[in-house]
Amino acid sequence: DVSFQGKNLKIVWRGEEVSNDGTSCASPSFASVIALLTYQLIAAGKSPLGFLNP
């Protein structure tokens, strides 16, 4: 299991910074962290994280 902040996330909506809550923000934020980690691993010549779901 994983968890990610789902309350008071700062996002940019139509050019303005606003706060938002819920899994609609937490899920893509977590996915972006995993994507950045994977990118760094590949850039370092290591294997990517792969499929994270059980």
Foldseek 3Di string as FASTA:
>chain_A
DDDFAFFQDWDADPNDTDGHGDPVPGVVVVVVVLVVQQVVQVVVVHHRPPDDDD
